[in-house]
Amino acid sequence: MFSSIKRFLQKGKDSTVSSNDLLQQASTEETVQTEEVEVKEVYPKISFHPLMHIEDESRYVYQFLNNELPPLLPNQLSLSAIDIEVDEEGAMVTAFVRNSLEKSVLLEDVVLLLISEERELLARKEFSLEDLGELPACSSRPWRFYFEREFLTKEELPATGFQLAFDLSKNEHKLDLNPEWEEQLTEEQKEELRKLVSTLPKLGPNEISLHAVSARSRDDGNLSATLLIRNGSKQAVNLEQLPLEVIDENGELIARGSFTLPPLTIHPNTSKPWTFIFPESLVENPTFNRFSVRVPNQEIM
């Protein structure tokens, strides 16, 4: 991977969390510390997975890079991004997984974020870290994380300054806006959508649903309907074709249409707003007070 001396430089950044925030059990040492206890910095030592074959040159590079990393405080877990390799299918991020606890740690399922230097989200994916194995006390283990294209939120990824971070809010369903929506909506409108997303009923583990936000008849006779497309699964959903029916409060059909989408990617555990324009020829009843939406042959959502 590191074929020349210039690649010895770390291209990414360090991201650190308290072990309490990531692990279910707190360490005993954390519960008894007082202001009088001197906090010593921890320099995790390199630890290679026992089943991994690593060439001598790569071992030297990893050791060099690990020695250049900033120290940790006791009882922390860290991700230190080293390198990123982008191909047509996605992006491979190499990082050190570091443990400053005085005991070994076994990580299981975690959601990781790839973030730019400007704090923009570049990718989000859940990983099973069973293959990483048990991290020894005060150790640092190099590992590779692959983000398939469907998990990337940006077309172009930076070569430097990126950061790999634990997503500590993985159970919180969030609003996800396309870039054009980010630019067009005011902060007040964004906050209203965030509040709406937070108050809606929780989705099932693999549930995809639609929630009606607003609708209006336009001057040209077309019907504009804004919906939240909600994804409760752990996988991104790509929508290319979506047939829709708009129903009024009495269950009467307002409009019907089939839409071709960009495709539209709905990331795991997020809700994305999207506006659908029904041509006047597909609008059967432009007068209504309340509305809901359904996919034909399915129950109203």
C-alpha atoms as a PDB file:
ATOM      1  CA  MET A   1       0.000   0.000   0.000  1.00  0.00           C
ATOM      2  CA  PHE A   2       2.769   2.445   0.954  1.00  0.00           C
ATOM      3  CA  SER A   3       5.165   2.216  -1.963  1.00  0.00           C
ATOM      4  CA  SER A   4       7.167   5.385  -1.473  1.00  0.00           C
ATOM      5  CA  ILE A   5       8.542   7.489   1.362  1.00  0.00           C
ATOM      6  CA  LYS A   6       6.163  10.370   0.620  1.00  0.00           C
ATOM      7  CA  ARG A   7       3.249   8.134   1.597  1.00  0.00           C
ATOM      8  CA  PHE A   8       4.624   7.900   5.133  1.00  0.00           C
ATOM      9  CA  LEU A   9       2.764  11.101   5.917  1.00  0.00           C
ATOM     10  CA  GLN A  10      -0.627  10.609   7.523  1.00  0.00           C
ATOM     11  CA  LYS A  11      -3.330  12.002   5.209  1.00  0.00           C
ATOM     12  CA  GLY A  12      -6.272  11.804   7.592  1.00  0.00           C
ATOM     13  CA  LYS A  13      -7.035  13.003  11.096  1.00  0.00           C
ATOM     14  CA  ASP A  14      -7.604  11.540  14.539  1.00  0.00           C
ATOM     15  CA  SER A  15     -11.069  11.073  16.093  1.00  0.00           C
ATOM     16  CA  THR A  16     -11.462  10.119  19.763  1.00  0.00           C
ATOM     17  CA  VAL A  17     -14.355   9.109  22.030  1.00  0.00           C
ATOM     18  CA  SER A  18     -14.683   8.037  25.639  1.00  0.00           C
ATOM     19  CA  SER A  19     -14.995   4.287  26.078  1.00  0.00           C
ATOM     20  CA  ASN A  20     -18.175   4.978  28.085  1.00  0.00           C
ATOM     21  CA  ASP A  21     -19.800   6.456  24.974  1.00  0.00           C
ATOM     22  CA  LEU A  22     -19.090   3.413  22.819  1.00  0.00           C
ATOM     23  CA  LEU A  23     -18.995   0.426  25.148  1.00  0.00           C
ATOM     24  CA  GLN A  24     -21.855  -0.800  27.266  1.00  0.00           C
ATOM     25  CA  GLN A  25     -19.788  -1.149  30.430  1.00  0.00           C
ATOM     26  CA  ALA A  26     -17.710   1.609  31.977  1.00  0.00           C
ATOM     27  CA  SER A  27     -14.284   0.792  33.304  1.00  0.00           C
ATOM     28  CA  THR A  28     -13.821   0.666  37.070  1.00  0.00           C
ATOM     29  CA  GLU A  29     -10.934   3.123  36.872  1.00  0.00           C
ATOM     30  CA  GLU A  30     -13.181   5.851  35.471  1.00  0.00           C
ATOM     31  CA  THR A  31     -15.653   5.618  38.339  1.00  0.00           C
ATOM     32  CA  VAL A  32     -13.039   6.195  41.078  1.00  0.00           C
ATOM     33  CA  GLN A  33     -10.949   9.005  39.597  1.00  0.00           C
ATOM     34  CA  THR A  34     -10.805  12.265  41.572  1.00  0.00           C
ATOM     35  CA  GLU A  35      -9.340  15.667  40.865  1.00  0.00           C
ATOM     36  CA  GLU A  36      -6.200  14.637  42.781  1.00  0.00           C
ATOM     37  CA  VAL A  37      -5.395  11.761  40.446  1.00  0.00           C
ATOM     38  CA  GLU A  38      -2.771  12.647  37.871  1.00  0.00           C
ATOM     39  CA  VAL A  39      -3.986  11.874  34.356  1.00  0.00           C
ATOM     40  CA  LYS A  40      -1.189  10.342  32.319  1.00  0.00           C
ATOM     41  CA  GLU A  41      -1.084  10.322  28.568  1.00  0.00           C
ATOM     42  CA  VAL A  42      -1.250   6.948  26.845  1.00  0.00           C
ATOM     43  CA  TYR A  43       0.778   6.010  23.769  1.00  0.00           C
ATOM     44  CA  PRO A  44      -0.876   2.858  22.367  1.00  0.00           C
ATOM     45  CA  LYS A  45       1.603   0.327  20.975  1.00  0.00           C
ATOM     46  CA  ILE A  46       1.240  -1.163  17.519  1.00  0.00           C
ATOM     47  CA  SER A  47      -0.700  -4.435  17.376  1.00  0.00           C
ATOM     48  CA  PHE A  48      -1.087  -6.449  14.194  1.00  0.00           C
ATOM     49  CA  HIS A  49      -3.896  -8.938  13.812  1.00  0.00           C
ATOM     50  CA  PRO A  50      -2.372 -12.396  14.393  1.00  0.00           C
ATOM     51  CA  LEU A  51      -3.963 -13.814  11.221  1.00  0.00           C
ATOM     52  CA  MET A  52      -2.882 -10.970   8.927  1.00  0.00           C
ATOM     53  CA  HIS A  53       0.201 -11.323   6.739  1.00  0.00           C
ATOM     54  CA  ILE A  54       1.948  -7.960   6.552  1.00  0.00           C
ATOM     55  CA  GLU A  55       5.168  -7.376   4.626  1.00  0.00           C
ATOM     56  CA  ASP A  56       8.171  -6.038   6.531  1.00  0.00           C
ATOM     57  CA  GLU A  57       8.070  -2.719   4.669  1.00  0.00           C
ATOM     58  CA  SER A  58       4.420  -2.190   5.561  1.00  0.00           C
ATOM     59  CA  ARG A  59       5.103  -3.101   9.181  1.00  0.00           C
ATOM     60  CA  TYR A  60       7.797  -0.439   9.272  1.00  0.00           C
ATOM     61  CA  VAL A  61       5.431   2.148   7.770  1.00  0.00           C
ATOM     62  CA  TYR A  62       2.622   1.326  10.185  1.00  0.00           C
ATOM     63  CA  GLN A  63       5.037   1.522  13.113  1.00  0.00           C
ATOM     64  CA  PHE A  64       6.335   4.881  11.877  1.00  0.00           C
ATOM     65  CA  LEU A  65       2.819   6.303  11.462  1.00  0.00           C
ATOM     66  CA  ASN A  66       1.647   4.998  14.827  1.00  0.00           C
ATOM     67  CA  ASN A  67       4.591   6.654  16.567  1.00  0.00           C
ATOM     68  CA  GLU A  68       3.585   9.989  15.003  1.00  0.00           C
ATOM     69  CA  LEU A  69       0.024   9.882  16.370  1.00  0.00           C
ATOM     70  CA  PRO A  70      -0.976  12.127  19.302  1.00  0.00           C
ATOM     71  CA  PRO A  71      -1.304  10.423  22.697  1.00  0.00           C
ATOM     72  CA  LEU A  72      -4.667   9.463  24.155  1.00  0.00           C
ATOM     73  CA  LEU A  73      -6.096   9.999  27.603  1.00  0.00           C
ATOM     74  CA  PRO A  74      -6.961   6.953  29.712  1.00  0.00           C
ATOM     75  CA  ASN A  75     -10.120   5.040  28.770  1.00  0.00           C
ATOM     76  CA  GLN A  76     -10.484   6.312  25.240  1.00  0.00           C
ATOM     77  CA  LEU A  77     -11.066   4.715  21.839  1.00  0.00           C
ATOM     78  CA  SER A  78      -9.768   6.372  18.709  1.00  0.00           C
ATOM     79  CA  LEU A  79      -9.868   6.139  14.922  1.00  0.00           C
ATOM     80  CA  SER A  80      -6.825   7.642  13.221  1.00  0.00           C
ATOM     81  CA  ALA A  81      -7.313   7.832   9.453  1.00  0.00           C
ATOM     82  CA  ILE A  82      -4.166   7.194   7.423  1.00  0.00           C
ATOM     83  CA  ASP A  83      -5.078   6.888   3.779  1.00  0.00           C
ATOM     84  CA  ILE A  84      -7.989   6.776   1.343  1.00  0.00           C
ATOM     85  CA  GLU A  85      -8.140   4.940  -1.980  1.00  0.00           C
ATOM     86  CA  VAL A  86     -11.072   5.627  -4.304  1.00  0.00           C
ATOM     87  CA  ASP A  87     -12.198   3.340  -7.115  1.00  0.00           C
ATOM     88  CA  GLU A  88     -15.334   2.992  -9.247  1.00  0.00           C
ATOM     89  CA  GLU A  89     -17.075   0.881  -6.620  1.00  0.00           C
ATOM     90  CA  GLY A  90     -16.359   3.002  -3.549  1.00  0.00           C
ATOM     91  CA  ALA A  91     -13.598   4.095  -1.181  1.00  0.00           C
ATOM     92  CA  MET A  92     -11.171   2.189   1.036  1.00  0.00           C
ATOM     93  CA  VAL A  93     -10.116   4.028   4.195  1.00  0.00           C
ATOM     94  CA  THR A  94      -7.134   2.755   6.176  1.00  0.00           C
ATOM     95  CA  ALA A  95      -7.030   3.734   9.840  1.00  0.00           C
ATOM     96  CA  PHE A  96      -5.611   2.803  13.219  1.00  0.00           C
ATOM     97  CA  VAL A  97      -8.193   1.591  15.740  1.00  0.00           C
ATOM     98  CA  ARG A  98      -6.658   2.626  19.077  1.00  0.00           C
ATOM     99  CA  ASN A  99      -7.477   1.567  22.616  1.00  0.00           C
ATOM    100  CA  SER A 100      -6.108   3.381  25.692  1.00  0.00           C
ATOM    101  CA  LEU A 101      -7.931   1.224  28.256  1.00  0.00           C
ATOM    102  CA  GLU A 102      -5.886  -0.970  30.565  1.00  0.00           C
ATOM    103  CA  LYS A 103      -7.835  -3.980  29.371  1.00  0.00           C
ATOM    104  CA  SER A 104      -8.608  -5.580  26.037  1.00  0.00           C
ATOM    105  CA  VAL A 105     -11.657  -4.465  24.059  1.00  0.00           C
ATOM    106  CA  LEU A 106     -13.857  -6.379  21.624  1.00  0.00           C
ATOM    107  CA  LEU A 107     -15.855  -4.101  19.334  1.00  0.00           C
ATOM    108  CA  GLU A 108     -18.956  -5.423  17.590  1.00  0.00           C
ATOM    109  CA  ASP A 109     -21.316  -3.465  15.296  1.00  0.00           C
ATOM    110  CA  VAL A 110     -20.450   0.216  14.897  1.00  0.00           C
ATOM    111  CA  VAL A 111     -21.582   2.962  12.545  1.00  0.00           C
ATOM    112  CA  LEU A 112     -18.670   4.918  11.098  1.00  0.00           C
ATOM    113  CA  LEU A 113     -18.700   8.350   9.507  1.00  0.00           C
ATOM    114  CA  LEU A 114     -16.260   9.628   6.921  1.00  0.00           C
ATOM    115  CA  ILE A 115     -15.999  13.405   7.374  1.00  0.00           C
ATOM    116  CA  SER A 116     -14.181  16.111   5.435  1.00  0.00           C
ATOM    117  CA  GLU A 117     -11.896  18.731   6.943  1.00  0.00           C
ATOM    118  CA  GLU A 118     -14.816  21.164   6.645  1.00  0.00           C
ATOM    119  CA  ARG A 119     -16.973  18.749   8.720  1.00  0.00           C
ATOM    120  CA  GLU A 120     -19.093  17.660   5.743  1.00  0.00           C
ATOM    121  CA  LEU A 121     -20.398  14.103   5.802  1.00  0.00           C
ATOM    122  CA  LEU A 122     -18.739  12.075   3.040  1.00  0.00           C
ATOM    123  CA  ALA A 123     -19.970   8.575   3.891  1.00  0.00           C
ATOM    124  CA  ARG A 124     -21.835   6.620   6.552  1.00  0.00           C
ATOM    125  CA  LYS A 125     -21.930   2.851   7.007  1.00  0.00           C
ATOM    126  CA  GLU A 126     -22.388   0.223   9.709  1.00  0.00           C
ATOM    127  CA  PHE A 127     -19.481  -2.184  10.115  1.00  0.00           C
ATOM    128  CA  SER A 128     -19.162  -5.469  11.974  1.00  0.00           C
ATOM    129  CA  LEU A 129     -15.780  -5.397  13.706  1.00  0.00           C
ATOM    130  CA  GLU A 130     -15.683  -9.029  14.768  1.00  0.00           C
ATOM    131  CA  ASP A 131     -12.894  -9.676  12.242  1.00  0.00           C
ATOM    132  CA  LEU A 132     -10.825  -6.900  13.835  1.00  0.00           C
ATOM    133  CA  GLY A 133     -10.486  -9.196  16.831  1.00  0.00           C
ATOM    134  CA  GLU A 134      -9.805  -8.309  20.428  1.00  0.00           C
ATOM    135  CA  LEU A 135      -7.782  -5.130  20.837  1.00  0.00           C
ATOM    136  CA  PRO A 136      -5.160  -5.621  23.545  1.00  0.00           C
ATOM    137  CA  ALA A 137      -4.836  -3.081  26.347  1.00  0.00           C
ATOM    138  CA  CYS A 138      -3.234   0.189  25.216  1.00  0.00           C
ATOM    139  CA  SER A 139      -2.870  -0.963  21.619  1.00  0.00           C
ATOM    140  CA  SER A 140      -3.221   0.421  18.100  1.00  0.00           C
ATOM    141  CA  ARG A 141      -4.291  -1.856  15.247  1.00  0.00           C
ATOM    142  CA  PRO A 142      -4.292  -0.880  11.548  1.00  0.00           C
ATOM    143  CA  TRP A 143      -7.482  -1.835   9.705  1.00  0.00           C
ATOM    144  CA  ARG A 144      -9.207  -1.120   6.397  1.00  0.00           C
ATOM    145  CA  PHE A 145     -12.807   0.058   6.013  1.00  0.00           C
ATOM    146  CA  TYR A 146     -14.523  -0.097   2.635  1.00  0.00           C
ATOM    147  CA  PHE A 147     -17.425   2.246   1.846  1.00  0.00           C
ATOM    148  CA  GLU A 148     -19.333   1.051  -1.221  1.00  0.00           C
ATOM    149  CA  ARG A 149     -20.547   3.776  -3.591  1.00  0.00           C
ATOM    150  CA  GLU A 150     -24.105   3.579  -2.220  1.00  0.00           C
ATOM    151  CA  PHE A 151     -22.855   4.707   1.209  1.00  0.00           C
ATOM    152  CA  LEU A 152     -21.034   7.790  -0.125  1.00  0.00           C
ATOM    153  CA  THR A 153     -22.801  11.137   0.137  1.00  0.00           C
ATOM    154  CA  LYS A 154     -20.353  13.029  -2.094  1.00  0.00           C
ATOM    155  CA  GLU A 155     -19.101  12.263  -5.588  1.00  0.00           C
ATOM    156  CA  GLU A 156     -15.630  13.701  -4.970  1.00  0.00           C
ATOM    157  CA  LEU A 157     -13.635  12.666  -1.902  1.00  0.00           C
ATOM    158  CA  PRO A 158     -10.683  14.653  -0.513  1.00  0.00           C
ATOM    159  CA  ALA A 159      -7.201  13.139  -0.593  1.00  0.00           C
ATOM    160  CA  THR A 160      -6.226  14.728   2.738  1.00  0.00           C
ATOM    161  CA  GLY A 161      -7.818  16.168   5.866  1.00  0.00           C
ATOM    162  CA  PHE A 162     -10.554  13.540   6.104  1.00  0.00           C
ATOM    163  CA  GLN A 163     -11.585  11.918   9.357  1.00  0.00           C
ATOM    164  CA  LEU A 164     -13.095   8.582  10.321  1.00  0.00           C
ATOM    165  CA  ALA A 165     -15.373   8.830  13.363  1.00  0.00           C
ATOM    166  CA  PHE A 166     -17.704   6.689  15.455  1.00  0.00           C
ATOM    167  CA  ASP A 167     -21.353   7.675  15.002  1.00  0.00           C
ATOM    168  CA  LEU A 168     -22.611   7.849  18.579  1.00  0.00           C
ATOM    169  CA  SER A 169     -26.120   8.773  17.447  1.00  0.00           C
ATOM    170  CA  LYS A 170     -26.645   5.671  15.293  1.00  0.00           C
ATOM    171  CA  ASN A 171     -30.049   4.960  16.871  1.00  0.00           C
ATOM    172  CA  GLU A 172     -31.355   8.462  16.196  1.00  0.00           C
ATOM    173  CA  HIS A 173     -33.415   8.779  13.025  1.00  0.00           C
ATOM    174  CA  LYS A 174     -32.178  11.880  11.190  1.00  0.00           C
ATOM    175  CA  LEU A 175     -33.146  14.279   8.452  1.00  0.00           C
ATOM    176  CA  ASP A 176     -31.103  13.892   5.249  1.00  0.00           C
ATOM    177  CA  LEU A 177     -31.180  16.744   2.732  1.00  0.00           C
ATOM    178  CA  ASN A 178     -29.920  16.679  -0.842  1.00  0.00           C
ATOM    179  CA  PRO A 179     -27.369  19.464  -1.550  1.00  0.00           C
ATOM    180  CA  GLU A 180     -29.908  21.526  -3.509  1.00  0.00           C
ATOM    181  CA  TRP A 181     -32.325  21.380  -0.576  1.00  0.00           C
ATOM    182  CA  GLU A 182     -29.542  22.441   1.783  1.00  0.00           C
ATOM    183  CA  GLU A 183     -28.993  25.542  -0.339  1.00  0.00           C
ATOM    184  CA  GLN A 184     -32.627  26.454  -0.942  1.00  0.00           C
ATOM    185  CA  LEU A 185     -34.135  25.965   2.533  1.00  0.00           C
ATOM    186  CA  THR A 186     -33.757  28.519   5.295  1.00  0.00           C
ATOM    187  CA  GLU A 187     -32.436  27.439   8.698  1.00  0.00           C
ATOM    188  CA  GLU A 188     -35.942  27.839  10.082  1.00  0.00           C
ATOM    189  CA  GLN A 189     -37.379  25.494   7.444  1.00  0.00           C
ATOM    190  CA  LYS A 190     -34.642  22.944   8.099  1.00  0.00           C
ATOM    191  CA  GLU A 191     -35.341  23.057  11.830  1.00  0.00           C
ATOM    192  CA  GLU A 192     -39.068  22.511  11.207  1.00  0.00           C
ATOM    193  CA  LEU A 193     -38.258  19.414   9.166  1.00  0.00           C
ATOM    194  CA  ARG A 194     -35.889  18.125  11.853  1.00  0.00           C
ATOM    195  CA  LYS A 195     -38.611  18.514  14.473  1.00  0.00           C
ATOM    196  CA  LEU A 196     -41.080  16.699  12.243  1.00  0.00           C
ATOM    197  CA  VAL A 197     -38.657  13.811  11.704  1.00  0.00           C
ATOM    198  CA  SER A 198     -38.021  13.531  15.455  1.00  0.00           C
ATOM    199  CA  THR A 199     -41.745  13.376  16.317  1.00  0.00           C
ATOM    200  CA  LEU A 200     -42.851  10.753  13.782  1.00  0.00           C
ATOM    201  CA  PRO A 201     -43.473   7.163  14.949  1.00  0.00           C
ATOM    202  CA  LYS A 202     -40.419   4.917  14.945  1.00  0.00           C
ATOM    203  CA  LEU A 203     -39.934   2.684  11.929  1.00  0.00           C
ATOM    204  CA  GLY A 204     -39.442  -1.059  12.024  1.00  0.00           C
ATOM    205  CA  PRO A 205     -35.936  -2.462  11.349  1.00  0.00           C
ATOM    206  CA  ASN A 206     -36.567  -2.875   7.599  1.00  0.00           C
ATOM    207  CA  GLU A 207     -39.487  -0.512   7.127  1.00  0.00           C
ATOM    208  CA  ILE A 208     -39.691   2.050   4.314  1.00  0.00           C
ATOM    209  CA  SER A 209     -42.566   4.529   4.484  1.00  0.00           C
ATOM    210  CA  LEU A 210     -43.879   7.800   3.087  1.00  0.00           C
ATOM    211  CA  HIS A 211     -45.144  10.707   5.165  1.00  0.00           C
ATOM    212  CA  ALA A 212     -47.138  13.569   3.664  1.00  0.00           C
ATOM    213  CA  VAL A 213     -45.700  16.999   4.490  1.00  0.00           C
ATOM    214  CA  SER A 214     -47.530  19.520   2.295  1.00  0.00           C
ATOM    215  CA  ALA A 215     -49.430  19.818  -0.985  1.00  0.00           C
ATOM    216  CA  ARG A 216     -50.870  22.631  -3.055  1.00  0.00           C
ATOM    217  CA  SER A 217     -52.520  23.253  -6.399  1.00  0.00           C
ATOM    218  CA  ARG A 218     -50.317  25.500  -8.528  1.00  0.00           C
ATOM    219  CA  ASP A 219     -51.438  28.261 -10.867  1.00  0.00           C
ATOM    220  CA  ASP A 220     -50.673  26.052 -13.876  1.00  0.00           C
ATOM    221  CA  GLY A 221     -53.090  23.392 -12.612  1.00  0.00           C
ATOM    222  CA  ASN A 222     -50.369  20.975 -11.552  1.00  0.00           C
ATOM    223  CA  LEU A 223     -50.318  19.508  -8.045  1.00  0.00           C
ATOM    224  CA  SER A 224     -47.164  19.848  -5.933  1.00  0.00           C
ATOM    225  CA  ALA A 225     -46.801  17.333  -3.092  1.00  0.00           C
ATOM    226  CA  THR A 226     -43.860  17.239  -0.682  1.00  0.00           C
ATOM    227  CA  LEU A 227     -43.200  13.958   1.125  1.00  0.00           C
ATOM    228  CA  LEU A 228     -40.722  12.507   3.583  1.00  0.00           C
ATOM    229  CA  ILE A 229     -39.303   9.225   2.319  1.00  0.00           C
ATOM    230  CA  ARG A 230     -38.353   7.327   5.492  1.00  0.00           C
ATOM    231  CA  ASN A 231     -35.836   4.491   5.676  1.00  0.00           C
ATOM    232  CA  GLY A 232     -35.728   2.454   8.880  1.00  0.00           C
ATOM    233  CA  SER A 233     -33.289  -0.148   7.586  1.00  0.00           C
ATOM    234  CA  LYS A 234     -29.523  -0.443   8.043  1.00  0.00           C
ATOM    235  CA  GLN A 235     -28.958  -0.302   4.288  1.00  0.00           C
ATOM    236  CA  ALA A 236     -29.230   2.573   1.831  1.00  0.00           C
ATOM    237  CA  VAL A 237     -32.249   2.434  -0.489  1.00  0.00           C
ATOM    238  CA  ASN A 238     -32.033   3.647  -4.093  1.00  0.00           C
ATOM    239  CA  LEU A 239     -35.316   4.684  -5.695  1.00  0.00           C
ATOM    240  CA  GLU A 240     -35.509   4.968  -9.468  1.00  0.00           C
ATOM    241  CA  GLN A 241     -39.242   4.486 -10.114  1.00  0.00           C
ATOM    242  CA  LEU A 242     -41.986   5.407  -7.654  1.00  0.00           C
ATOM    243  CA  PRO A 243     -45.743   5.161  -8.413  1.00  0.00           C
ATOM    244  CA  LEU A 244     -47.817   7.356  -6.107  1.00  0.00           C
ATOM    245  CA  GLU A 245     -51.448   8.084  -5.300  1.00  0.00           C
ATOM    246  CA  VAL A 246     -52.571  11.139  -3.329  1.00  0.00           C
ATOM    247  CA  ILE A 247     -55.707  10.589  -1.218  1.00  0.00           C
ATOM    248  CA  ASP A 248     -57.904  13.173   0.529  1.00  0.00           C
ATOM    249  CA  GLU A 249     -59.297  12.967   4.069  1.00  0.00           C
ATOM    250  CA  ASN A 250     -62.296  10.972   2.805  1.00  0.00           C
ATOM    251  CA  GLY A 251     -60.190   8.377   1.035  1.00  0.00           C
ATOM    252  CA  GLU A 252     -60.978   9.817  -2.401  1.00  0.00           C
ATOM    253  CA  LEU A 253     -58.281   9.863  -5.065  1.00  0.00           C
ATOM    254  CA  ILE A 254     -56.772  13.324  -5.643  1.00  0.00           C
ATOM    255  CA  ALA A 255     -53.992  12.449  -8.092  1.00  0.00           C
ATOM    256  CA  ARG A 256     -52.091   9.498  -9.471  1.00  0.00           C
ATOM    257  CA  GLY A 257     -48.694   9.339 -11.198  1.00  0.00           C
ATOM    258  CA  SER A 258     -45.490   7.378 -11.709  1.00  0.00           C
ATOM    259  CA  PHE A 259     -42.179   9.171 -11.198  1.00  0.00           C
ATOM    260  CA  THR A 260     -38.675   8.536 -12.545  1.00  0.00           C
ATOM    261  CA  LEU A 261     -36.056   9.585  -9.977  1.00  0.00           C
ATOM    262  CA  PRO A 262     -32.338  10.556 -10.302  1.00  0.00           C
ATOM    263  CA  PRO A 263     -32.001   7.794  -8.673  1.00  0.00           C
ATOM    264  CA  LEU A 264     -32.761   8.985  -5.173  1.00  0.00           C
ATOM    265  CA  THR A 265     -30.668   7.497  -2.346  1.00  0.00           C
ATOM    266  CA  ILE A 266     -32.226   7.270   1.114  1.00  0.00           C
ATOM    267  CA  HIS A 267     -29.448   6.566   3.600  1.00  0.00           C
ATOM    268  CA  PRO A 268     -29.896   4.168   6.531  1.00  0.00           C
ATOM    269  CA  ASN A 269     -32.076   5.425   9.395  1.00  0.00           C
ATOM    270  CA  THR A 270     -32.863   8.739   7.693  1.00  0.00           C
ATOM    271  CA  SER A 271     -35.795  10.622   6.195  1.00  0.00           C
ATOM    272  CA  LYS A 272     -35.395  12.578   2.976  1.00  0.00           C
ATOM    273  CA  PRO A 273     -37.902  15.215   1.768  1.00  0.00           C
ATOM    274  CA  TRP A 274     -38.785  15.250  -1.925  1.00  0.00           C
ATOM    275  CA  THR A 275     -41.342  17.159  -3.965  1.00  0.00           C
ATOM    276  CA  PHE A 276     -43.403  15.406  -6.647  1.00  0.00           C
ATOM    277  CA  ILE A 277     -45.234  17.372  -9.351  1.00  0.00           C
ATOM    278  CA  PHE A 278     -48.414  15.758 -10.688  1.00  0.00           C
ATOM    279  CA  PRO A 279     -49.372  17.200 -14.111  1.00  0.00           C
ATOM    280  CA  GLU A 280     -52.861  18.667 -14.332  1.00  0.00           C
ATOM    281  CA  SER A 281     -53.948  15.750 -16.530  1.00  0.00           C
ATOM    282  CA  LEU A 282     -53.286  13.353 -13.625  1.00  0.00           C
ATOM    283  CA  VAL A 283     -55.101  15.439 -11.008  1.00  0.00           C
ATOM    284  CA  GLU A 284     -58.681  14.279 -10.447  1.00  0.00           C
ATOM    285  CA  ASN A 285     -59.674  16.454  -7.502  1.00  0.00           C
ATOM    286  CA  PRO A 286     -57.683  19.649  -6.891  1.00  0.00           C
ATOM    287  CA  THR A 287     -59.806  20.678  -3.864  1.00  0.00           C
ATOM    288  CA  PHE A 288     -58.894  19.105  -0.503  1.00  0.00           C
ATOM    289  CA  ASN A 289     -58.115  20.023   3.083  1.00  0.00           C
ATOM    290  CA  ARG A 290     -55.934  17.132   4.180  1.00  0.00           C
ATOM    291  CA  PHE A 291     -54.107  14.484   2.230  1.00  0.00           C
ATOM    292  CA  SER A 292     -52.103  11.293   2.569  1.00  0.00           C
ATOM    293  CA  VAL A 293     -49.994   9.302   0.128  1.00  0.00           C
ATOM    294  CA  ARG A 294     -49.768   5.660  -0.809  1.00  0.00           C
ATOM    295  CA  VAL A 295     -48.022   3.443  -3.277  1.00  0.00           C
ATOM    296  CA  PRO A 296     -50.753   1.798  -5.413  1.00  0.00           C
ATOM    297  CA  ASN A 297     -52.006  -1.549  -4.073  1.00  0.00           C
ATOM    298  CA  GLN A 298     -50.585  -0.772  -0.649  1.00  0.00           C
ATOM    299  CA  GLU A 299     -52.107   0.695   2.481  1.00  0.00           C
ATOM    300  CA  ILE A 300     -52.089   4.457   2.961  1.00  0.00           C
ATOM    301  CA  MET A 301     -48.873   5.592   4.659  1.00  0.00           C
END
